[in-house]
C-alpha cells in the first residue's frame, strides 16, 4: 500500500460511504491526499468518516443523498461542476443485496429496489459525471460488483442480474471512452466483513473474513492517475485481472 500522497489535489466521489467498503475506500483515498465527496443516506456514518479524514489531514464534502433519487444525482453533478469543474475519481460502491428468495417469490417492488440502486443509480452517476471525468487529466471510474454476476446462484436472482447488468453498462461505457483519458473498470472485493455479507451468509464466522480496510487499497489503486487499464475486472480473492 502506497504511503505517498498520490491523490493530492484530486477530487474523488465515493458512494455508499457511511460504512463497509465505501467507508474504507473513502478513508483510503483521503489518506492518499484526495478531497473526498462522500455520499450515503446515513448522516451519522458520514460524520464519523469526516472526523477520521480530518484526523488524517484531508478534507471531505458530506452529501446525505438517496441514490434512488436521480434528480438529486444530477444536482450533485452540477454542484461538483460549479465548485471544481471536474472529477478525478468515481467509486460506485453503493449496492443492495435484496431478499434471497426463489425468483418467483420476489415482489416487483423488491426487484425494482435492487435494480434502482445497483444499476440505475450507477447509470445516473455516469450520466452526471462523464463530462466531469473528461475534464480531469486522468478521470477514473471503478464500480464494485460481485462474482454473483456470473455464478447466478439459486435464490440470488435479482442481485446477480443487477450486477451482470452493471458490468454490461461499464463495458459499454469503457468502449465509449477508449479514445479519451478516462478509464472505467470493475472491482470484485470477494467475501468481506460487512453488514451485507452478514445478511447473505448468516452462519459464517466473520472473524474468518478480511476487513473492508484490508481491500480498500486495491480498490483505490484503480482510481490512481497512473492506472491505465480499461474495461477490466479485478477479483481480489483470486488476485487476477480479466476483461469485461
Protein backbone atom coordinates (compact mmCIF):
# COMPACT_ATOMS: atom_id res chain seq x y z
CA UNK A 1 0.00 0.00 0.00
CA UNK A 2 1.40 3.34 -1.03
CA UNK A 3 2.35 5.77 1.72
CA UNK A 4 2.70 8.72 -0.67
CA UNK A 5 0.11 11.44 -1.25
CA UNK A 6 -0.50 10.18 -4.77
CA UNK A 7 -4.00 11.69 -4.88
CA UNK A 8 -3.05 15.09 -3.53
CA UNK A 9 -5.13 17.77 -5.22
CA UNK A 10 -7.54 15.19 -6.65
CA UNK A 11 -11.31 15.14 -6.14
CA UNK A 12 -12.86 11.73 -5.61
CA UNK A 13 -16.53 10.76 -5.23
CA UNK A 14 -17.42 7.63 -3.23
CA UNK A 15 -20.94 6.26 -2.89
CA UNK A 16 -22.15 4.09 -0.03
CA UNK A 17 -19.51 5.76 2.12
CA UNK A 18 -21.17 5.62 5.55
CA UNK A 19 -19.96 2.08 6.31
CA UNK A 20 -18.24 -1.00 4.99
CA UNK A 21 -16.20 -0.95 1.81
CA UNK A 22 -17.28 2.58 0.86
CA UNK A 23 -16.23 3.95 4.23
CA UNK A 24 -12.81 2.27 3.99
CA UNK A 25 -12.34 3.33 0.37
CA UNK A 26 -13.13 6.97 1.15
CA UNK A 27 -10.73 6.90 4.07
CA UNK A 28 -8.00 5.40 1.91
CA UNK A 29 -8.49 7.98 -0.85
CA UNK A 30 -8.26 10.72 1.78
CA UNK A 31 -5.15 9.14 3.26
CA UNK A 32 -3.56 9.46 -0.16
CA UNK A 33 -4.40 13.17 -0.17
CA UNK A 34 -7.68 13.38 -2.10
CA UNK A 35 -10.59 15.62 -1.25
CA UNK A 36 -13.37 13.07 -0.95
CA UNK A 37 -17.03 13.68 -1.73
CA UNK A 38 -18.79 11.06 0.35
CA UNK A 39 -22.36 10.01 -0.44
CA UNK A 40 -24.72 7.94 1.70
CA UNK A 41 -28.15 8.09 3.27
CA UNK A 42 -26.80 7.72 6.83
CA UNK A 43 -25.64 11.09 8.13
CA UNK A 44 -24.11 9.69 11.32
CA UNK A 45 -21.77 7.40 9.40
CA UNK A 46 -20.67 10.26 7.15
CA UNK A 47 -19.95 12.49 10.13
CA UNK A 48 -17.84 9.79 11.75
CA UNK A 49 -15.95 9.36 8.49
CA UNK A 50 -15.43 13.11 8.27
CA UNK A 51 -13.83 13.11 11.71
CA UNK A 52 -11.44 10.33 10.68
CA UNK A 53 -10.50 12.02 7.44
CA UNK A 54 -9.86 15.33 9.16
CA UNK A 55 -7.56 13.48 11.56
CA UNK A 56 -5.64 12.28 8.50
CA UNK A 57 -5.18 15.88 7.40
CA UNK A 58 -7.56 15.66 4.44
CA UNK A 59 -10.97 17.12 3.72
CA UNK A 60 -14.42 15.90 2.73
CA UNK A 61 -17.70 17.11 1.36
CA UNK A 62 -20.57 15.26 3.02
CA UNK A 63 -23.56 14.51 0.78
CA UNK A 64 -26.51 12.84 2.53
CA UNK A 65 -28.36 11.55 -0.51
CA UNK A 66 -30.63 8.69 -1.50
CA UNK A 67 -29.19 7.34 -4.75
CA UNK A 68 -32.67 6.26 -5.81
CA UNK A 69 -33.28 9.99 -6.38
CA UNK A 70 -31.89 10.51 -9.88
CA UNK A 71 -32.62 14.22 -9.88
CA UNK A 72 -30.50 14.58 -6.72
CA UNK A 73 -27.63 12.83 -8.52
CA UNK A 74 -27.97 15.36 -11.33
CA UNK A 75 -27.83 18.20 -8.80
CA UNK A 76 -24.72 16.65 -7.26
CA UNK A 77 -23.03 16.58 -10.64
CA UNK A 78 -23.92 20.22 -11.22
CA UNK A 79 -22.58 21.18 -7.77
CA UNK A 80 -19.28 19.40 -8.45
CA UNK A 81 -19.00 21.25 -11.76
CA UNK A 82 -19.66 24.59 -10.13
CA UNK A 83 -17.10 24.05 -7.38
CA UNK A 84 -14.31 22.11 -9.10
CA UNK A 85 -15.13 21.92 -12.79
CA UNK A 86 -14.00 18.30 -12.95
CA UNK A 87 -13.86 14.98 -11.11
CA UNK A 88 -10.75 12.80 -10.87
CA UNK A 89 -12.22 9.63 -9.40
CA UNK A 90 -15.60 7.94 -9.09
CA UNK A 91 -16.05 4.91 -6.84
CA UNK A 92 -19.51 3.42 -7.46
CA UNK A 93 -19.72 1.27 -4.36
CA UNK A 94 -23.29 1.57 -3.03
CA UNK A 95 -25.26 -1.62 -3.52
CA UNK A 96 -28.17 -3.60 -2.19
CA UNK A 97 -28.46 -7.35 -1.68
CA UNK A 98 -32.22 -7.56 -1.70
CA UNK A 99 -34.09 -10.62 -0.49
CA UNK A 100 -32.54 -14.02 -1.12
CA UNK A 101 -35.56 -15.92 -2.29
CA UNK A 102 -36.92 -18.07 -5.10
CA UNK A 103 -37.25 -15.74 -8.06
CA UNK A 104 -40.99 -16.39 -8.34
CA UNK A 105 -41.42 -15.18 -4.76
CA UNK A 106 -39.59 -11.86 -5.21
CA UNK A 107 -42.04 -8.96 -5.25
CA UNK A 108 -41.87 -6.43 -8.09
CA UNK A 109 -41.18 -3.71 -5.52
CA UNK A 110 -38.18 -5.57 -4.11
CA UNK A 111 -36.85 -6.36 -7.59
CA UNK A 112 -37.11 -2.71 -8.60
CA UNK A 113 -35.33 -1.56 -5.42
CA UNK A 114 -32.33 -3.77 -6.15
CA UNK A 115 -32.04 -2.59 -9.74
CA UNK A 116 -32.64 1.03 -8.75
CA UNK A 117 -29.53 1.13 -6.57
CA UNK A 118 -27.27 -1.44 -8.23
CA UNK A 119 -27.89 -0.43 -11.84
CA UNK A 120 -29.93 2.73 -12.38
CA UNK A 121 -28.09 4.80 -9.77
CA UNK A 122 -24.75 3.95 -11.38
CA UNK A 123 -26.11 4.87 -14.82
CA UNK A 124 -27.26 8.20 -13.38
CA UNK A 125 -23.83 8.72 -11.83
CA UNK A 126 -22.14 8.14 -15.16
CA UNK A 127 -24.64 10.44 -16.85
CA UNK A 128 -23.93 13.19 -14.31
CA UNK A 129 -20.14 12.79 -14.04
CA UNK A 130 -18.99 11.79 -17.53
CA UNK A 131 -18.19 15.37 -18.54
CA UNK A 132 -16.53 15.96 -15.16
CA UNK A 133 -14.30 12.88 -15.56
CA UNK A 134 -13.37 14.01 -19.06
CA UNK A 135 -12.30 17.40 -17.68
CA UNK A 136 -9.75 15.66 -15.44
CA UNK A 137 -6.31 14.88 -16.81
CA UNK A 138 -6.86 11.26 -15.73
CA UNK A 139 -10.51 10.60 -14.84
CA UNK A 140 -11.00 7.17 -13.31
CA UNK A 141 -14.25 5.30 -12.54
CA UNK A 142 -14.48 1.98 -10.74
CA UNK A 143 -17.64 0.10 -9.84
CA UNK A 144 -17.94 -2.53 -7.14
CA UNK A 145 -19.53 -5.70 -8.47
CA UNK A 146 -19.58 -9.38 -7.47
CA UNK A 147 -18.85 -12.80 -8.86
CA UNK A 148 -22.59 -13.34 -8.44
CA UNK A 149 -22.89 -11.60 -11.81
CA UNK A 150 -21.55 -14.82 -13.34
CA UNK A 151 -22.34 -17.58 -10.86
CA UNK A 152 -26.01 -16.54 -10.61
CA UNK A 153 -26.69 -19.00 -7.80
CA UNK A 154 -30.23 -20.10 -6.99
CA UNK A 155 -32.14 -17.59 -4.85
CA UNK A 156 -29.75 -14.76 -5.78
CA UNK A 157 -31.64 -13.79 -8.95
CA UNK A 158 -32.22 -10.02 -8.57
CA UNK A 159 -28.78 -9.34 -7.08
CA UNK A 160 -26.97 -11.49 -9.65
CA UNK A 161 -28.92 -9.98 -12.54
CA UNK A 162 -28.29 -6.44 -11.31
CA UNK A 163 -24.55 -6.99 -11.05
CA UNK A 164 -24.47 -8.55 -14.52
CA UNK A 165 -26.33 -5.51 -15.83
CA UNK A 166 -23.90 -3.18 -14.05
CA UNK A 167 -20.95 -4.89 -15.68
CA UNK A 168 -22.60 -4.65 -19.08
CA UNK A 169 -23.05 -0.91 -18.55
CA UNK A 170 -19.41 -0.47 -17.52
CA UNK A 171 -18.20 -2.50 -20.50
CA UNK A 172 -20.25 -0.39 -22.89
CA UNK A 173 -19.13 2.86 -21.27
CA UNK A 174 -15.48 1.82 -21.25
CA UNK A 175 -15.64 1.37 -25.01
CA UNK A 176 -17.11 4.84 -25.42
CA UNK A 177 -14.22 6.44 -23.51
CA UNK A 178 -11.43 4.33 -25.01
CA UNK A 179 -10.07 7.29 -27.01
CA UNK A 180 -10.17 9.67 -24.03
CA UNK A 181 -8.11 9.94 -20.85
CA UNK A 182 -10.96 8.41 -18.80
CA UNK A 183 -10.87 4.77 -17.69
CA UNK A 184 -13.72 2.63 -16.29
CA UNK A 185 -13.36 -0.74 -14.59
CA UNK A 186 -14.96 -3.20 -12.18
CA UNK A 187 -13.78 -4.42 -8.78
CA UNK A 188 -14.69 -7.69 -7.06
CA UNK A 189 -13.97 -7.36 -3.31
CA UNK A 190 -14.73 -11.01 -2.59
CA UNK A 191 -16.05 -12.03 0.85
CA UNK A 192 -15.51 -9.09 3.23
CA UNK A 193 -16.71 -8.48 6.77
CA UNK A 194 -19.64 -6.17 6.01
CA UNK A 195 -23.27 -5.93 7.09
CA UNK A 196 -24.37 -7.06 3.62
CA UNK A 197 -22.18 -10.16 3.83
CA UNK A 198 -23.60 -10.98 7.25
CA UNK A 199 -27.14 -10.84 5.86
CA UNK A 200 -26.20 -13.02 2.92
CA UNK A 201 -24.27 -15.59 4.95
CA UNK A 202 -25.72 -15.52 8.49
CA UNK A 203 -23.94 -18.73 9.58
CA UNK A 204 -20.49 -17.55 8.53
CA UNK A 205 -17.83 -16.68 11.11
CA UNK A 206 -16.99 -13.00 10.41
CA UNK A 207 -13.58 -13.44 12.02
CA UNK A 208 -12.57 -15.56 9.01
CA UNK A 209 -13.12 -12.65 6.62
CA UNK A 210 -10.91 -9.70 5.73
CA UNK A 211 -11.96 -6.25 6.89
CA UNK A 212 -13.01 -3.60 4.37
CA UNK A 213 -9.79 -1.73 5.14
CA UNK A 214 -7.82 -4.79 4.03
CA UNK A 215 -9.04 -4.49 0.44
CA UNK A 216 -9.61 -0.73 0.20
CA UNK A 217 -6.09 -0.08 -1.04
CA UNK A 218 -6.56 -2.31 -4.07
CA UNK A 219 -9.82 -0.57 -4.87
CA UNK A 220 -8.33 2.91 -4.65
CA UNK A 221 -5.35 1.81 -6.73
CA UNK A 222 -7.84 1.67 -9.61
CA UNK A 223 -8.51 5.42 -9.49
CA UNK A 224 -4.85 6.42 -9.35
CA UNK A 225 -3.78 8.65 -12.30
CA UNK A 226 -1.17 6.08 -13.28
CA UNK A 227 -3.72 3.28 -13.55
CA UNK A 228 -4.31 2.74 -17.26
CA UNK A 229 -6.42 -0.41 -17.59
CA UNK A 230 -9.84 -0.02 -19.17
CA UNK A 231 -12.77 -2.45 -19.47
CA UNK A 232 -11.15 -4.72 -16.89
CA UNK A 233 -12.24 -6.56 -13.78
CA UNK A 234 -10.08 -7.24 -10.74
CA UNK A 235 -11.01 -10.11 -8.42
CA UNK A 236 -9.37 -9.62 -5.01
CA UNK A 237 -9.95 -13.18 -3.85
CA UNK A 238 -8.35 -14.69 -6.95
CA UNK A 239 -5.83 -11.88 -7.38
CA UNK A 240 -6.44 -11.88 -11.12
CA UNK A 241 -7.47 -9.47 -13.85
CA UNK A 242 -9.90 -10.31 -16.62
CA UNK A 243 -11.55 -8.41 -19.43
CA UNK A 244 -15.18 -7.33 -19.16
